[in-house]
Amino acid sequence: MRLGVFPLPLILLPGGKTRLRIFEPRYIRLVKQAVTGEGFALSSYLPEAENNSSELAAWVEIVDFSILEDGLLSIDVQAQSMVKLTQFELENDGLRFASAKQVKHWASQTSSDKTKLLAQSLSRFFSKIPEYESLYPSPKYDEPAWVCARLVELLPLSIERKLQFAQPESFERCVNFLHTVINGEKNSDLFQFQTRNYN
């Protein structure tokens, strides 16, 4: 399939949501097409990469939208799966399109002592970040893959590091990494959410 591509300095994993404010004409066009089509690919912006985009991206659908007081369009998107992007094309207005093929991410996982502790940490983070918590009215704290994916999205890590956990066989490595980082971090103020404004 062919999807519009929106490269942003973030990563979204399956089940993840984010809120975007849209004002640049090319991305307004992308949103209009996504509403009536198959969604779009939210990739990670990599300034040194060809097309400034990661090859792995989240295939997202728009789940909510509104017009803000300042006239900007606000959309909530949710990642349905990961896709691999190839054959990029740049249209006249600067909007990118690419061929997208679905790829597997993490399989369903069984809870362990480590993932239960991580779920407790995520719940505490959500309680401190109401803007982020509001995106997830029914959090899946009993699903280890969902919990770990949300923590990866929240952690203040480089995009390159986060992309390591977009790989399909990275779950156990991710759990160990998160467990070490969060248990060794005394101050959860690192986990801050701001409404994202991208053009």
Foldseek 3Di string as FASTA:
>chain_A
DKFWEAAEQFAAAAFDKAKEWDDQVVVVVRLVCLQVDQAHWYFHQQPVDVVRGDQKTFRKHWDDWDQDPVRIIMTMIGGHAIWGWDDWDADPSGIIMTDTDGDHAEDFDQDDPLLLVLLVVLVVLCVVAVVRVVVCPPDDSRTSVSSLSVVLRQAPDGPVVSVVNRHRPCSVVSSVVCSVVVVVDPDPPNRYDDRYYDD
